[in-house]
PDB file of N, CA and C in Angstrom:
ATOM      1  N   PRO A   1      -3.773   7.723  17.414  1.00  0.00           N
ATOM      2  CA  PRO A   1      -4.702   8.311  18.101  1.00  0.00           C
ATOM      3  C   PRO A   1      -5.779   9.144  17.366  1.00  0.00           C
ATOM      4  N   ILE A   2      -6.930   9.415  18.008  1.00  0.00           N
ATOM      5  CA  ILE A   2      -7.982  10.226  17.380  1.00  0.00           C
ATOM      6  C   ILE A   2      -7.387  11.610  17.548  1.00  0.00           C
ATOM      7  N   THR A   3      -7.820  12.193  16.402  1.00  0.00           N
ATOM      8  CA  THR A   3      -7.368  13.633  16.163  1.00  0.00           C
ATOM      9  C   THR A   3      -8.434  14.611  16.016  1.00  0.00           C
ATOM     10  N   SER A   4      -9.724  14.006  15.751  1.00  0.00           N
ATOM     11  CA  SER A   4     -10.785  14.972  15.661  1.00  0.00           C
ATOM     12  C   SER A   4     -12.220  14.043  15.819  1.00  0.00           C
ATOM     13  N   ILE A   5     -13.131  14.827  16.602  1.00  0.00           N
ATOM     14  CA  ILE A   5     -14.458  14.229  16.691  1.00  0.00           C
ATOM     15  C   ILE A   5     -15.434  15.260  16.416  1.00  0.00           C
ATOM     16  N   GLU A   6     -16.516  14.748  15.448  1.00  0.00           N
ATOM     17  CA  GLU A   6     -17.389  15.927  15.239  1.00  0.00           C
ATOM     18  C   GLU A   6     -18.786  15.124  15.328  1.00  0.00           C
ATOM     19  N   TRP A   7     -19.727  15.951  15.891  1.00  0.00           N
ATOM     20  CA  TRP A   7     -21.194  15.369  15.953  1.00  0.00           C
ATOM     21  C   TRP A   7     -21.863  15.796  14.903  1.00  0.00           C
ATOM     22  N   ASN A   8     -22.861  15.002  14.254  1.00  0.00           N
ATOM     23  CA  ASN A   8     -23.765  15.201  13.293  1.00  0.00           C
ATOM     24  C   ASN A   8     -24.802  16.296  13.547  1.00  0.00           C
ATOM     25  N   PRO A   9     -24.942  17.475  13.018  1.00  0.00           N
ATOM     26  CA  PRO A   9     -25.762  18.552  13.495  1.00  0.00           C
ATOM     27  C   PRO A   9     -27.181  18.162  13.468  1.00  0.00           C
ATOM     28  N   ILE A  10     -27.621  17.167  12.656  1.00  0.00           N
ATOM     29  CA  ILE A  10     -28.902  16.602  12.431  1.00  0.00           C
ATOM     30  C   ILE A  10     -29.371  15.400  13.139  1.00  0.00           C
ATOM     31  N   GLU A  11     -28.612  14.354  13.230  1.00  0.00           N
ATOM     32  CA  GLU A  11     -28.785  13.174  13.823  1.00  0.00           C
ATOM     33  C   GLU A  11     -28.014  13.185  15.144  1.00  0.00           C
ATOM     34  N   GLU A  12     -28.535  13.441  16.345  1.00  0.00           N
ATOM     35  CA  GLU A  12     -27.679  13.839  17.441  1.00  0.00           C
ATOM     36  C   GLU A  12     -26.937  12.501  18.069  1.00  0.00           C
ATOM     37  N   SER A  13     -27.232  11.260  17.591  1.00  0.00           N
ATOM     38  CA  SER A  13     -26.591   9.990  17.988  1.00  0.00           C
ATOM     39  C   SER A  13     -25.409   9.581  17.171  1.00  0.00           C
ATOM     40  N   VAL A  14     -25.117  10.439  15.910  1.00  0.00           N
ATOM     41  CA  VAL A  14     -24.098  10.124  15.123  1.00  0.00           C
ATOM     42  C   VAL A  14     -22.921  11.019  15.197  1.00  0.00           C
ATOM     43  N   LEU A  15     -21.829  10.314  15.095  1.00  0.00           N
ATOM     44  CA  LEU A  15     -20.526  11.152  15.128  1.00  0.00           C
ATOM     45  C   LEU A  15     -19.476  10.724  14.064  1.00  0.00           C
ATOM     46  N   ALA A  16     -18.809  11.406  13.711  1.00  0.00           N
ATOM     47  CA  ALA A  16     -17.512  11.160  12.939  1.00  0.00           C
ATOM     48  C   ALA A  16     -16.268  11.170  13.771  1.00  0.00           C
ATOM     49  N   ALA A  17     -15.272  10.455  13.320  1.00  0.00           N
ATOM     50  CA  ALA A  17     -14.195  10.595  14.238  1.00  0.00           C
ATOM     51  C   ALA A  17     -12.869  10.312  13.100  1.00  0.00           C
ATOM     52  N   SER A  18     -11.821  11.024  13.238  1.00  0.00           N
ATOM     53  CA  SER A  18     -10.728  10.792  12.433  1.00  0.00           C
ATOM     54  C   SER A  18      -9.533  10.647  13.154  1.00  0.00           C
ATOM     55  N   GLY A  19      -8.468  10.013  12.677  1.00  0.00           N
ATOM     56  CA  GLY A  19      -7.170   9.695  13.342  1.00  0.00           C
ATOM     57  C   GLY A  19      -5.896  10.026  12.629  1.00  0.00           C
ATOM     58  N   SER A  20      -4.771   9.868  13.307  1.00  0.00           N
ATOM     59  CA  SER A  20      -3.551  10.262  12.612  1.00  0.00           C
ATOM     60  C   SER A  20      -3.255   9.228  11.602  1.00  0.00           C
ATOM     61  N   ASP A  21      -4.064   8.014  11.408  1.00  0.00           N
ATOM     62  CA  ASP A  21      -3.845   7.070  10.463  1.00  0.00           C
ATOM     63  C   ASP A  21      -4.431   7.436   9.216  1.00  0.00           C
ATOM     64  N   ASP A  22      -5.065   8.498   8.851  1.00  0.00           N
ATOM     65  CA  ASP A  22      -5.891   9.126   7.904  1.00  0.00           C
ATOM     66  C   ASP A  22      -7.144   8.254   7.717  1.00  0.00           C
ATOM     67  N   GLN A  23      -7.872   7.862   8.705  1.00  0.00           N
ATOM     68  CA  GLN A  23      -8.992   7.138   8.752  1.00  0.00           C
ATOM     69  C   GLN A  23      -9.987   7.758   9.140  1.00  0.00           C
ATOM     70  N   ILE A  24     -11.220   7.712   8.579  1.00  0.00           N
ATOM     71  CA  ILE A  24     -12.411   8.357   9.087  1.00  0.00           C
ATOM     72  C   ILE A  24     -13.535   7.302   9.317  1.00  0.00           C
ATOM     73  N   SER A  25     -14.214   7.262  10.568  1.00  0.00           N
ATOM     74  CA  SER A  25     -15.195   6.358  11.088  1.00  0.00           C
ATOM     75  C   SER A  25     -16.522   7.113  11.321  1.00  0.00           C
ATOM     76  N   ILE A  26     -17.655   6.571  10.909  1.00  0.00           N
ATOM     77  CA  ILE A  26     -18.881   7.153  11.225  1.00  0.00           C
ATOM     78  C   ILE A  26     -19.442   6.098  12.226  1.00  0.00           C
ATOM     79  N   TRP A  27     -20.085   6.690  13.385  1.00  0.00           N
ATOM     80  CA  TRP A  27     -20.632   5.700  14.515  1.00  0.00           C
ATOM     81  C   TRP A  27     -22.018   6.432  14.783  1.00  0.00           C
ATOM     82  N   ASP A  28     -23.024   5.378  14.851  1.00  0.00           N
ATOM     83  CA  ASP A  28     -24.349   5.796  15.527  1.00  0.00           C
ATOM     84  C   ASP A  28     -24.434   5.201  16.874  1.00  0.00           C
ATOM     85  N   LEU A  29     -24.406   5.882  17.870  1.00  0.00           N
ATOM     86  CA  LEU A  29     -24.515   5.492  19.246  1.00  0.00           C
ATOM     87  C   LEU A  29     -25.826   5.116  19.819  1.00  0.00           C
ATOM     88  N   SER A  30     -26.747   5.275  18.956  1.00  0.00           N
ATOM     89  CA  SER A  30     -28.358   4.938  19.285  1.00  0.00           C
ATOM     90  C   SER A  30     -28.508   3.389  18.925  1.00  0.00           C
ATOM     91  N   VAL A  31     -27.554   2.758  18.260  1.00  0.00           N
ATOM     92  CA  VAL A  31     -27.581   1.395  17.832  1.00  0.00           C
ATOM     93  C   VAL A  31     -27.145   0.693  19.148  1.00  0.00           C
ATOM     94  N   GLU A  32     -27.971  -0.286  19.492  1.00  0.00           N
ATOM     95  CA  GLU A  32     -27.889  -1.125  20.898  1.00  0.00           C
ATOM     96  C   GLU A  32     -27.120  -2.343  20.336  1.00  0.00           C
ATOM     97  N   HIS A  33     -26.300  -2.897  21.423  1.00  0.00           N
ATOM     98  CA  HIS A  33     -25.556  -4.169  21.382  1.00  0.00           C
ATOM     99  C   HIS A  33     -26.573  -5.303  21.425  1.00  0.00           C
ATOM    100  N   ASP A  34     -26.738  -6.073  20.492  1.00  0.00           N
ATOM    101  CA  ASP A  34     -27.497  -7.262  20.763  1.00  0.00           C
ATOM    102  C   ASP A  34     -26.712  -8.561  20.871  1.00  0.00           C
ATOM    103  N   PRO A  35     -26.791  -9.058  22.146  1.00  0.00           N
ATOM    104  CA  PRO A  35     -25.870 -10.248  22.567  1.00  0.00           C
ATOM    105  C   PRO A  35     -26.328 -11.382  21.963  1.00  0.00           C
ATOM    106  N   GLU A  36     -27.667 -11.657  21.620  1.00  0.00           N
ATOM    107  CA  GLU A  36     -28.063 -12.771  21.056  1.00  0.00           C
ATOM    108  C   GLU A  36     -27.463 -12.774  19.614  1.00  0.00           C
ATOM    109  N   GLU A  37     -27.502 -11.800  18.776  1.00  0.00           N
ATOM    110  CA  GLU A  37     -27.134 -11.858  17.451  1.00  0.00           C
ATOM    111  C   GLU A  37     -25.495 -12.214  17.500  1.00  0.00           C
ATOM    112  N   ILE A  38     -24.807 -11.595  18.532  1.00  0.00           N
ATOM    113  CA  ILE A  38     -23.379 -12.034  18.564  1.00  0.00           C
ATOM    114  C   ILE A  38     -23.107 -13.454  18.636  1.00  0.00           C
ATOM    115  N   SER A  39     -23.951 -14.009  19.570  1.00  0.00           N
ATOM    116  CA  SER A  39     -23.870 -15.467  20.000  1.00  0.00           C
ATOM    117  C   SER A  39     -24.007 -16.448  18.890  1.00  0.00           C
ATOM    118  N   HIS A  40     -24.768 -16.062  17.862  1.00  0.00           N
ATOM    119  CA  HIS A  40     -25.035 -16.868  16.599  1.00  0.00           C
ATOM    120  C   HIS A  40     -24.183 -16.452  15.619  1.00  0.00           C
ATOM    121  N   LYS A  41     -23.375 -15.568  15.729  1.00  0.00           N
ATOM    122  CA  LYS A  41     -22.235 -15.534  14.687  1.00  0.00           C
ATOM    123  C   LYS A  41     -21.108 -16.587  14.682  1.00  0.00           C
ATOM    124  N   ILE A  42     -20.697 -16.859  13.415  1.00  0.00           N
ATOM    125  CA  ILE A  42     -19.618 -17.762  13.342  1.00  0.00           C
ATOM    126  C   ILE A  42     -18.481 -17.169  12.450  1.00  0.00           C
ATOM    127  N   LEU A  43     -17.580 -16.843  13.296  1.00  0.00           N
ATOM    128  CA  LEU A  43     -16.282 -16.062  12.689  1.00  0.00           C
ATOM    129  C   LEU A  43     -15.426 -16.946  11.991  1.00  0.00           C
ATOM    130  N   ARG A  44     -14.995 -16.586  10.860  1.00  0.00           N
ATOM    131  CA  ARG A  44     -13.909 -17.456  10.095  1.00  0.00           C
ATOM    132  C   ARG A  44     -12.546 -16.792  10.209  1.00  0.00           C
ATOM    133  N   LYS A  45     -11.596 -17.418  10.084  1.00  0.00           N
ATOM    134  CA  LYS A  45     -10.369 -17.024  10.149  1.00  0.00           C
ATOM    135  C   LYS A  45      -9.914 -15.674   9.338  1.00  0.00           C
ATOM    136  N   GLY A  46      -9.401 -14.571   9.867  1.00  0.00           N
ATOM    137  CA  GLY A  46      -9.405 -13.478   9.215  1.00  0.00           C
ATOM    138  C   GLY A  46     -10.544 -12.518   9.330  1.00  0.00           C
ATOM    139  N   ASP A  47     -11.720 -13.005   9.748  1.00  0.00           N
ATOM    140  CA  ASP A  47     -12.763 -12.088  10.070  1.00  0.00           C
ATOM    141  C   ASP A  47     -12.450 -11.029  11.232  1.00  0.00           C
ATOM    142  N   ILE A  48     -13.028  -9.973  11.236  1.00  0.00           N
ATOM    143  CA  ILE A  48     -12.818  -8.925  12.301  1.00  0.00           C
ATOM    144  C   ILE A  48     -14.260  -8.672  12.820  1.00  0.00           C
ATOM    145  N   GLU A  49     -14.286  -8.684  14.103  1.00  0.00           N
ATOM    146  CA  GLU A  49     -15.465  -8.353  14.666  1.00  0.00           C
ATOM    147  C   GLU A  49     -15.540  -6.862  14.996  1.00  0.00           C
ATOM    148  N   VAL A  50     -16.413  -6.211  14.697  1.00  0.00           N
ATOM    149  CA  VAL A  50     -16.725  -4.724  15.167  1.00  0.00           C
ATOM    150  C   VAL A  50     -17.816  -4.474  15.795  1.00  0.00           C
ATOM    151  N   PRO A  51     -17.977  -3.280  16.511  1.00  0.00           N
ATOM    152  CA  PRO A  51     -19.051  -2.958  17.226  1.00  0.00           C
ATOM    153  C   PRO A  51     -20.214  -2.582  16.311  1.00  0.00           C
ATOM    154  N   SER A  52     -21.488  -2.928  16.726  1.00  0.00           N
ATOM    155  CA  SER A  52     -22.622  -2.553  15.759  1.00  0.00           C
ATOM    156  C   SER A  52     -22.944  -1.128  15.578  1.00  0.00           C
ATOM    157  N   GLN A  53     -22.562  -0.336  16.396  1.00  0.00           N
ATOM    158  CA  GLN A  53     -22.642   1.170  16.383  1.00  0.00           C
ATOM    159  C   GLN A  53     -21.473   1.687  15.460  1.00  0.00           C
ATOM    160  N   LEU A  54     -20.489   0.927  14.859  1.00  0.00           N
ATOM    161  CA  LEU A  54     -19.742   1.413  13.771  1.00  0.00           C
ATOM    162  C   LEU A  54     -20.393   1.294  12.477  1.00  0.00           C
ATOM    163  N   LEU A  55     -20.716   2.326  11.722  1.00  0.00           N
ATOM    164  CA  LEU A  55     -21.407   2.241  10.379  1.00  0.00           C
ATOM    165  C   LEU A  55     -20.534   2.238   9.209  1.00  0.00           C
ATOM    166  N   PHE A  56     -19.421   2.993   9.284  1.00  0.00           N
ATOM    167  CA  PHE A  56     -18.591   3.220   8.075  1.00  0.00           C
ATOM    168  C   PHE A  56     -17.244   3.465   8.443  1.00  0.00           C
ATOM    169  N   ILE A  57     -16.063   2.988   7.531  1.00  0.00           N
ATOM    170  CA  ILE A  57     -14.939   3.244   7.627  1.00  0.00           C
ATOM    171  C   ILE A  57     -14.346   3.786   6.407  1.00  0.00           C
ATOM    172  N   HIS A  58     -13.612   4.843   6.265  1.00  0.00           N
ATOM    173  CA  HIS A  58     -12.842   5.165   5.046  1.00  0.00           C
ATOM    174  C   HIS A  58     -11.433   5.513   5.249  1.00  0.00           C
ATOM    175  N   GLN A  59     -10.716   5.035   4.364  1.00  0.00           N
ATOM    176  CA  GLN A  59      -9.257   5.428   4.482  1.00  0.00           C
ATOM    177  C   GLN A  59      -8.538   5.914   3.224  1.00  0.00           C
TER     178      GLN A  59
END
């Protein structure tokens, strides 16, 4: 579960979230989903599809 969320004080669409798994993720909610880009993706075995708003994960 998520244990903390903090908005960036400078970039109002960016937030950081952390969880009980000791993982931190940075999100930019101003990034829009592009359905055309997704339709052209070819996923290989083991590939993980992530939201375009997810900028960074650190563990």
